[in-house]
Amino acid sequence: MRNIVFGAEDSLVSTTGVLFGIATSSASRSSILVTGLVLIAVESISMGAGAFLSESSEHEITAKKVHKDSTIVDGILMFFSYSITGFLVLLPYLITNIKTGKFLSVLVALNSLFLLGFLPKKSIRSAFRMLIVAGLALFAGYVIGASFETL
């Protein structure tokens, strides 16, 4: 569960923040799409490999302890959770104009973050914590992109 939540949260924040920043800087639709595809591909592979390697290292360090999880499964879960949520927030840019895509992508990300925080424990507090902390990172993407809007 840890790698699913981590991968999804990281993708929702990173992908949405980068796409929103790029879209705000007056980039073309094709630039936004290429950026999104490259980001999702590189980051999902990196996150999946990172989960595999970190879990493998933990297993090596604590070799005497019995582990119920599989390092390969952890990497695969991380890869797919990042990829799926990344495409989820890229999709609005594929089906609408840039301005609407920005709005819908952020809306999808914020709703998904809320659900991601809520579902594991059915906790409203956890849902709002996820929404606020991750939402601040999304806001950074806007601020940085807006600062380059006139270039």
N, C-alpha and C. Protein backbone atom coordinates (compact mmCIF):
# COMPACT_ATOMS: atom_id res chain seq x y z
N MET A 1 0.82 -1.19 0.00
CA MET A 1 0.00 0.00 0.00
C MET A 1 0.88 1.27 0.00
N ARG A 2 1.99 1.22 0.72
CA ARG A 2 2.87 2.38 0.83
C ARG A 2 3.35 2.85 -0.53
N ASN A 3 3.79 1.93 -1.38
CA ASN A 3 4.30 2.31 -2.69
C ASN A 3 3.20 2.80 -3.63
N ILE A 4 2.00 2.30 -3.47
CA ILE A 4 0.87 2.78 -4.29
C ILE A 4 0.55 4.22 -3.93
N VAL A 5 0.43 4.50 -2.63
CA VAL A 5 0.12 5.86 -2.18
C VAL A 5 1.26 6.81 -2.55
N PHE A 6 2.49 6.39 -2.30
CA PHE A 6 3.64 7.25 -2.60
C PHE A 6 3.73 7.55 -4.09
N GLY A 7 3.59 6.53 -4.92
CA GLY A 7 3.68 6.73 -6.36
C GLY A 7 2.56 7.62 -6.89
N ALA A 8 1.34 7.38 -6.42
CA ALA A 8 0.20 8.18 -6.87
C ALA A 8 0.33 9.62 -6.41
N GLU A 9 0.68 9.84 -5.16
CA GLU A 9 0.81 11.20 -4.64
C GLU A 9 1.92 11.94 -5.37
N ASP A 10 3.05 11.30 -5.55
CA ASP A 10 4.17 11.94 -6.22
C ASP A 10 3.81 12.31 -7.66
N SER A 11 3.13 11.42 -8.34
CA SER A 11 2.74 11.69 -9.72
C SER A 11 1.70 12.80 -9.81
N LEU A 12 0.71 12.75 -8.93
CA LEU A 12 -0.32 13.79 -8.95
C LEU A 12 0.29 15.17 -8.74
N VAL A 13 1.21 15.27 -7.81
CA VAL A 13 1.83 16.56 -7.52
C VAL A 13 2.83 16.93 -8.62
N SER A 14 3.76 16.03 -8.92
CA SER A 14 4.82 16.35 -9.89
C SER A 14 4.26 16.60 -11.28
N THR A 15 3.45 15.70 -11.77
CA THR A 15 2.94 15.82 -13.13
C THR A 15 2.03 17.03 -13.27
N THR A 16 1.10 17.19 -12.32
CA THR A 16 0.20 18.33 -12.39
C THR A 16 0.96 19.64 -12.25
N GLY A 17 1.90 19.68 -11.29
CA GLY A 17 2.68 20.90 -11.09
C GLY A 17 3.50 21.28 -12.30
N VAL A 18 4.17 20.30 -12.89
CA VAL A 18 4.99 20.58 -14.08
C VAL A 18 4.10 21.00 -15.25
N LEU A 19 3.04 20.25 -15.51
CA LEU A 19 2.16 20.60 -16.63
C LEU A 19 1.51 21.96 -16.44
N PHE A 20 1.08 22.25 -15.22
CA PHE A 20 0.45 23.54 -14.94
C PHE A 20 1.46 24.67 -15.14
N GLY A 21 2.67 24.46 -14.65
CA GLY A 21 3.71 25.47 -14.83
C GLY A 21 4.05 25.69 -16.28
N ILE A 22 4.20 24.62 -17.04
CA ILE A 22 4.51 24.73 -18.47
C ILE A 22 3.35 25.39 -19.21
N ALA A 23 2.12 24.99 -18.91
CA ALA A 23 0.94 25.57 -19.57
C ALA A 23 0.79 27.05 -19.22
N THR A 24 1.10 27.42 -18.00
CA THR A 24 1.00 28.81 -17.57
C THR A 24 2.04 29.69 -18.25
N SER A 25 3.17 29.11 -18.60
CA SER A 25 4.23 29.89 -19.25
C SER A 25 3.95 30.13 -20.72
N SER A 26 2.74 29.86 -21.15
CA SER A 26 2.30 30.07 -22.55
C SER A 26 2.91 29.08 -23.52
N ALA A 27 3.21 27.90 -23.07
CA ALA A 27 3.75 26.86 -23.95
C ALA A 27 2.67 26.37 -24.90
N SER A 28 3.09 25.78 -25.99
CA SER A 28 2.14 25.22 -26.96
C SER A 28 1.58 23.91 -26.43
N ARG A 29 0.47 23.51 -27.00
CA ARG A 29 -0.17 22.24 -26.62
C ARG A 29 0.79 21.06 -26.83
N SER A 30 1.50 21.06 -27.96
CA SER A 30 2.43 19.95 -28.22
C SER A 30 3.57 19.93 -27.20
N SER A 31 4.05 21.10 -26.78
CA SER A 31 5.10 21.15 -25.75
C SER A 31 4.59 20.60 -24.43
N ILE A 32 3.36 20.92 -24.10
CA ILE A 32 2.76 20.42 -22.86
C ILE A 32 2.64 18.90 -22.90
N LEU A 33 2.16 18.38 -24.03
CA LEU A 33 1.98 16.93 -24.15
C LEU A 33 3.30 16.17 -24.14
N VAL A 34 4.29 16.67 -24.87
CA VAL A 34 5.61 16.02 -24.88
C VAL A 34 6.22 16.06 -23.48
N THR A 35 6.13 17.21 -22.83
CA THR A 35 6.65 17.33 -21.47
C THR A 35 5.97 16.33 -20.55
N GLY A 36 4.66 16.22 -20.65
CA GLY A 36 3.92 15.28 -19.81
C GLY A 36 4.31 13.84 -20.07
N LEU A 37 4.42 13.46 -21.32
CA LEU A 37 4.78 12.08 -21.66
C LEU A 37 6.20 11.74 -21.19
N VAL A 38 7.13 12.65 -21.42
CA VAL A 38 8.51 12.41 -20.98
C VAL A 38 8.57 12.32 -19.46
N LEU A 39 7.90 13.25 -18.78
CA LEU A 39 7.90 13.25 -17.32
C LEU A 39 7.32 11.95 -16.77
N ILE A 40 6.18 11.54 -17.27
CA ILE A 40 5.53 10.31 -16.78
C ILE A 40 6.42 9.10 -17.05
N ALA A 41 6.98 9.00 -18.24
CA ALA A 41 7.83 7.86 -18.57
C ALA A 41 9.06 7.80 -17.68
N VAL A 42 9.79 8.89 -17.61
CA VAL A 42 11.04 8.90 -16.84
C VAL A 42 10.77 8.71 -15.35
N GLU A 43 9.82 9.45 -14.83
CA GLU A 43 9.54 9.38 -13.39
C GLU A 43 8.94 8.04 -12.96
N SER A 44 8.05 7.46 -13.76
CA SER A 44 7.46 6.18 -13.36
C SER A 44 8.53 5.08 -13.36
N ILE A 45 9.42 5.11 -14.33
CA ILE A 45 10.51 4.13 -14.36
C ILE A 45 11.45 4.37 -13.18
N SER A 46 11.81 5.62 -12.94
CA SER A 46 12.70 5.97 -11.84
C SER A 46 12.09 5.60 -10.49
N MET A 47 10.83 5.93 -10.31
CA MET A 47 10.17 5.63 -9.02
C MET A 47 10.04 4.11 -8.83
N GLY A 48 9.69 3.40 -9.89
CA GLY A 48 9.60 1.94 -9.79
C GLY A 48 10.95 1.32 -9.47
N ALA A 49 12.00 1.79 -10.16
CA ALA A 49 13.35 1.28 -9.89
C ALA A 49 13.78 1.65 -8.48
N GLY A 50 13.46 2.86 -8.05
CA GLY A 50 13.81 3.30 -6.69
C GLY A 50 13.14 2.46 -5.63
N ALA A 51 11.86 2.14 -5.84
CA ALA A 51 11.15 1.29 -4.88
C ALA A 51 11.78 -0.10 -4.82
N PHE A 52 12.08 -0.65 -5.99
CA PHE A 52 12.71 -1.97 -6.05
C PHE A 52 14.07 -1.96 -5.34
N LEU A 53 14.89 -0.97 -5.66
CA LEU A 53 16.24 -0.91 -5.08
C LEU A 53 16.21 -0.64 -3.58
N SER A 54 15.35 0.26 -3.13
CA SER A 54 15.30 0.54 -1.69
C SER A 54 14.76 -0.65 -0.90
N GLU A 55 13.75 -1.32 -1.45
CA GLU A 55 13.23 -2.52 -0.77
C GLU A 55 14.27 -3.63 -0.78
N SER A 56 15.01 -3.77 -1.89
CA SER A 56 16.07 -4.78 -1.96
C SER A 56 17.15 -4.51 -0.93
N SER A 57 17.53 -3.24 -0.80
CA SER A 57 18.55 -2.87 0.20
C SER A 57 18.07 -3.15 1.61
N GLU A 58 16.80 -2.84 1.86
CA GLU A 58 16.25 -3.11 3.19
C GLU A 58 16.27 -4.61 3.49
N HIS A 59 15.94 -5.41 2.51
CA HIS A 59 15.96 -6.87 2.68
C HIS A 59 17.37 -7.36 2.96
N GLU A 60 18.37 -6.79 2.27
CA GLU A 60 19.75 -7.20 2.48
C GLU A 60 20.25 -6.81 3.87
N ILE A 61 19.88 -5.63 4.32
CA ILE A 61 20.31 -5.14 5.63
C ILE A 61 19.68 -5.96 6.76
N THR A 62 18.42 -6.30 6.60
CA THR A 62 17.70 -7.02 7.65
C THR A 62 17.44 -8.46 7.21
N ALA A 63 18.47 -9.12 6.72
CA ALA A 63 18.35 -10.46 6.14
C ALA A 63 17.78 -11.49 7.11
N LYS A 64 17.95 -11.30 8.38
CA LYS A 64 17.46 -12.28 9.35
C LYS A 64 15.96 -12.17 9.58
N LYS A 65 15.38 -11.04 9.23
CA LYS A 65 13.94 -10.84 9.44
C LYS A 65 13.16 -11.38 8.25
N VAL A 66 11.96 -11.84 8.53
CA VAL A 66 11.09 -12.35 7.48
C VAL A 66 10.29 -11.18 6.90
N HIS A 67 10.32 -11.06 5.56
CA HIS A 67 9.57 -10.00 4.89
C HIS A 67 8.43 -10.62 4.11
N LYS A 68 7.25 -10.04 4.24
CA LYS A 68 6.09 -10.56 3.54
C LYS A 68 5.92 -9.97 2.14
N ASP A 69 6.58 -8.84 1.89
CA ASP A 69 6.41 -8.20 0.59
C ASP A 69 7.50 -8.63 -0.38
N SER A 70 7.24 -8.38 -1.63
CA SER A 70 8.19 -8.72 -2.68
C SER A 70 8.76 -7.44 -3.27
N THR A 71 10.07 -7.38 -3.44
CA THR A 71 10.70 -6.18 -3.98
C THR A 71 10.28 -5.90 -5.42
N ILE A 72 10.09 -6.92 -6.19
CA ILE A 72 9.66 -6.73 -7.58
C ILE A 72 8.24 -6.18 -7.62
N VAL A 73 7.38 -6.72 -6.79
CA VAL A 73 6.00 -6.24 -6.73
C VAL A 73 5.97 -4.78 -6.29
N ASP A 74 6.80 -4.41 -5.32
CA ASP A 74 6.87 -3.02 -4.87
C ASP A 74 7.23 -2.09 -6.02
N GLY A 75 8.22 -2.46 -6.80
CA GLY A 75 8.63 -1.65 -7.94
C GLY A 75 7.54 -1.53 -8.99
N ILE A 76 6.87 -2.64 -9.26
CA ILE A 76 5.78 -2.64 -10.25
C ILE A 76 4.61 -1.78 -9.77
N LEU A 77 4.26 -1.90 -8.50
CA LEU A 77 3.17 -1.08 -7.94
C LEU A 77 3.49 0.40 -8.02
N MET A 78 4.73 0.74 -7.70
CA MET A 78 5.15 2.14 -7.77
C MET A 78 5.07 2.64 -9.21
N PHE A 79 5.58 1.86 -10.14
CA PHE A 79 5.57 2.22 -11.56
C PHE A 79 4.15 2.48 -12.05
N PHE A 80 3.24 1.55 -11.79
CA PHE A 80 1.88 1.70 -12.30
C PHE A 80 1.09 2.79 -11.57
N SER A 81 1.30 2.95 -10.27
CA SER A 81 0.57 4.01 -9.57
C SER A 81 1.01 5.38 -10.08
N TYR A 82 2.30 5.54 -10.36
CA TYR A 82 2.79 6.81 -10.91
C TYR A 82 2.25 7.00 -12.32
N SER A 83 2.35 5.98 -13.15
CA SER A 83 1.93 6.09 -14.56
C SER A 83 0.44 6.40 -14.69
N ILE A 84 -0.37 5.65 -13.99
CA ILE A 84 -1.83 5.81 -14.10
C ILE A 84 -2.27 7.20 -13.67
N THR A 85 -1.80 7.65 -12.52
CA THR A 85 -2.22 8.97 -12.05
C THR A 85 -1.60 10.08 -12.91
N GLY A 86 -0.41 9.84 -13.45
CA GLY A 86 0.18 10.81 -14.36
C GLY A 86 -0.67 11.01 -15.61
N PHE A 87 -1.11 9.91 -16.20
CA PHE A 87 -1.96 10.01 -17.39
C PHE A 87 -3.33 10.60 -17.05
N LEU A 88 -3.79 10.38 -15.83
CA LEU A 88 -5.06 10.93 -15.38
C LEU A 88 -5.04 12.46 -15.42
N VAL A 89 -3.93 13.06 -15.00
CA VAL A 89 -3.86 14.53 -15.00
C VAL A 89 -3.36 15.10 -16.33
N LEU A 90 -2.81 14.26 -17.19
CA LEU A 90 -2.43 14.69 -18.54
C LEU A 90 -3.64 14.68 -19.47
N LEU A 91 -4.58 13.81 -19.23
CA LEU A 91 -5.74 13.63 -20.09
C LEU A 91 -6.50 14.93 -20.40
N PRO A 92 -6.75 15.80 -19.43
CA PRO A 92 -7.48 17.04 -19.77
C PRO A 92 -6.81 17.87 -20.86
N TYR A 93 -5.49 17.84 -20.93
CA TYR A 93 -4.78 18.59 -21.98
C TYR A 93 -4.97 17.94 -23.35
N LEU A 94 -5.29 16.66 -23.37
CA LEU A 94 -5.51 15.95 -24.63
C LEU A 94 -6.90 16.20 -25.20
N ILE A 95 -7.87 16.45 -24.31
CA ILE A 95 -9.26 16.52 -24.77
C ILE A 95 -9.86 17.93 -24.76
N THR A 96 -9.13 18.90 -24.21
CA THR A 96 -9.64 20.27 -24.17
C THR A 96 -8.54 21.26 -24.55
N ASN A 97 -8.89 22.53 -24.56
CA ASN A 97 -7.88 23.55 -24.81
C ASN A 97 -6.99 23.71 -23.57
N ILE A 98 -5.91 24.46 -23.69
CA ILE A 98 -4.91 24.57 -22.61
C ILE A 98 -5.52 25.18 -21.36
N LYS A 99 -6.27 26.26 -21.51
CA LYS A 99 -6.84 26.94 -20.35
C LYS A 99 -7.78 26.01 -19.57
N THR A 100 -8.65 25.33 -20.27
CA THR A 100 -9.57 24.39 -19.62
C THR A 100 -8.81 23.18 -19.10
N GLY A 101 -7.82 22.73 -19.86
CA GLY A 101 -7.01 21.59 -19.43
C GLY A 101 -6.31 21.86 -18.11
N LYS A 102 -5.78 23.08 -17.94
CA LYS A 102 -5.13 23.44 -16.68
C LYS A 102 -6.12 23.33 -15.52
N PHE A 103 -7.28 23.89 -15.70
CA PHE A 103 -8.29 23.87 -14.65
C PHE A 103 -8.71 22.43 -14.32
N LEU A 104 -9.03 21.65 -15.35
CA LEU A 104 -9.49 20.28 -15.14
C LEU A 104 -8.39 19.39 -14.54
N SER A 105 -7.16 19.58 -15.01
CA SER A 105 -6.04 18.79 -14.49
C SER A 105 -5.85 19.03 -12.99
N VAL A 106 -5.88 20.29 -12.59
CA VAL A 106 -5.73 20.61 -11.17
C VAL A 106 -6.92 20.08 -10.38
N LEU A 107 -8.11 20.20 -10.92
CA LEU A 107 -9.30 19.70 -10.25
C LEU A 107 -9.22 18.18 -10.06
N VAL A 108 -8.81 17.48 -11.09
CA VAL A 108 -8.63 16.02 -11.00
C VAL A 108 -7.57 15.68 -9.95
N ALA A 109 -6.45 16.41 -9.98
CA ALA A 109 -5.37 16.14 -9.03
C ALA A 109 -5.81 16.39 -7.59
N LEU A 110 -6.47 17.52 -7.34
CA LEU A 110 -6.88 17.83 -5.97
C LEU A 110 -7.92 16.83 -5.45
N ASN A 111 -8.87 16.47 -6.30
CA ASN A 111 -9.86 15.46 -5.89
C ASN A 111 -9.21 14.10 -5.65
N SER A 112 -8.28 13.75 -6.51
CA SER A 112 -7.57 12.47 -6.36
C SER A 112 -6.72 12.46 -5.10
N LEU A 113 -6.06 13.58 -4.80
CA LEU A 113 -5.25 13.68 -3.58
C LEU A 113 -6.13 13.55 -2.34
N PHE A 114 -7.29 14.18 -2.37
CA PHE A 114 -8.21 14.08 -1.25
C PHE A 114 -8.62 12.62 -1.03
N LEU A 115 -9.00 11.95 -2.12
CA LEU A 115 -9.38 10.53 -2.03
C LEU A 115 -8.21 9.66 -1.59
N LEU A 116 -7.03 9.95 -2.09
CA LEU A 116 -5.84 9.20 -1.73
C LEU A 116 -5.54 9.32 -0.24
N GLY A 117 -5.79 10.48 0.31
CA GLY A 117 -5.61 10.68 1.75
C GLY A 117 -6.73 10.06 2.56
N PHE A 118 -7.93 10.03 2.01
CA PHE A 118 -9.10 9.55 2.74
C PHE A 118 -9.22 8.02 2.76
N LEU A 119 -9.03 7.39 1.62
CA LEU A 119 -9.38 5.98 1.47
C LEU A 119 -8.65 4.99 2.39
N PRO A 120 -7.34 5.11 2.60
CA PRO A 120 -6.70 4.07 3.43
C PRO A 120 -7.30 3.91 4.83
N LYS A 121 -7.62 5.01 5.49
CA LYS A 121 -8.14 4.93 6.87
C LYS A 121 -9.54 5.51 7.01
N LYS A 122 -10.12 5.95 5.90
CA LYS A 122 -11.42 6.61 5.91
C LYS A 122 -11.40 7.80 6.86
N SER A 123 -10.34 8.59 6.76
CA SER A 123 -10.10 9.72 7.66
C SER A 123 -10.15 11.04 6.91
N ILE A 124 -11.08 11.90 7.31
CA ILE A 124 -11.18 13.24 6.72
C ILE A 124 -9.92 14.04 7.04
N ARG A 125 -9.39 13.86 8.24
CA ARG A 125 -8.17 14.58 8.63
C ARG A 125 -7.01 14.21 7.70
N SER A 126 -6.85 12.93 7.44
CA SER A 126 -5.78 12.48 6.52
C SER A 126 -6.02 13.01 5.11
N ALA A 127 -7.28 13.07 4.71
CA ALA A 127 -7.62 13.57 3.38
C ALA A 127 -7.23 15.03 3.23
N PHE A 128 -7.56 15.84 4.23
CA PHE A 128 -7.21 17.26 4.16
C PHE A 128 -5.71 17.48 4.30
N ARG A 129 -5.05 16.67 5.09
CA ARG A 129 -3.58 16.78 5.21
C ARG A 129 -2.93 16.53 3.85
N MET A 130 -3.35 15.48 3.17
CA MET A 130 -2.82 15.16 1.85
C MET A 130 -3.13 16.30 0.87
N LEU A 131 -4.36 16.80 0.91
CA LEU A 131 -4.78 17.86 0.01
C LEU A 131 -3.98 19.14 0.23
N ILE A 132 -3.78 19.54 1.47
CA ILE A 132 -3.09 20.79 1.77
C ILE A 132 -1.59 20.69 1.48
N VAL A 133 -0.95 19.66 1.96
CA VAL A 133 0.50 19.52 1.76
C VAL A 133 0.82 19.40 0.28
N ALA A 134 0.12 18.53 -0.41
CA ALA A 134 0.37 18.34 -1.84
C ALA A 134 -0.09 19.55 -2.64
N GLY A 135 -1.17 20.17 -2.21
CA GLY A 135 -1.67 21.36 -2.89
C GLY A 135 -0.66 22.50 -2.89
N LEU A 136 0.11 22.62 -1.83
CA LEU A 136 1.15 23.65 -1.77
C LEU A 136 2.21 23.43 -2.84
N ALA A 137 2.54 22.18 -3.08
CA ALA A 137 3.51 21.87 -4.14
C ALA A 137 2.94 22.21 -5.52
N LEU A 138 1.65 21.95 -5.72
CA LEU A 138 1.02 22.32 -6.98
C LEU A 138 1.06 23.84 -7.19
N PHE A 139 0.84 24.56 -6.12
CA PHE A 139 0.87 26.02 -6.19
C PHE A 139 2.26 26.51 -6.62
N ALA A 140 3.30 25.83 -6.20
CA ALA A 140 4.66 26.20 -6.60
C ALA A 140 4.81 26.11 -8.11
N GLY A 141 4.23 25.09 -8.73
CA GLY A 141 4.28 24.96 -10.18
C GLY A 141 3.63 26.15 -10.87
N TYR A 142 2.54 26.61 -10.33
CA TYR A 142 1.87 27.78 -10.90
C TYR A 142 2.75 29.03 -10.77
N VAL A 143 3.28 29.25 -9.59
CA VAL A 143 4.09 30.45 -9.33
C VAL A 143 5.31 30.49 -10.25
N ILE A 144 5.99 29.38 -10.37
CA ILE A 144 7.18 29.34 -11.22
C ILE A 144 6.79 29.53 -12.69
N GLY A 145 5.74 28.85 -13.13
CA GLY A 145 5.30 29.00 -14.52
C GLY A 145 4.84 30.41 -14.81
N ALA A 146 4.12 31.03 -13.89
CA ALA A 146 3.64 32.40 -14.08
C ALA A 146 4.79 33.39 -14.16
N SER A 147 5.86 33.10 -13.46
CA SER A 147 7.00 34.03 -13.50
C SER A 147 7.71 34.03 -14.85
N PHE A 148 7.48 33.00 -15.64
CA PHE A 148 8.08 32.93 -16.97
C PHE A 148 7.07 33.16 -18.08
N GLU A 149 5.88 33.56 -17.72
CA GLU A 149 4.80 33.73 -18.69
C GLU A 149 5.13 34.76 -19.75
N THR A 150 5.87 35.78 -19.38
CA THR A 150 6.16 36.86 -20.34
C THR A 150 7.40 36.61 -21.19
N LEU A 151 8.11 35.53 -20.94
CA LEU A 151 9.32 35.26 -21.73
C LEU A 151 9.00 34.73 -23.09
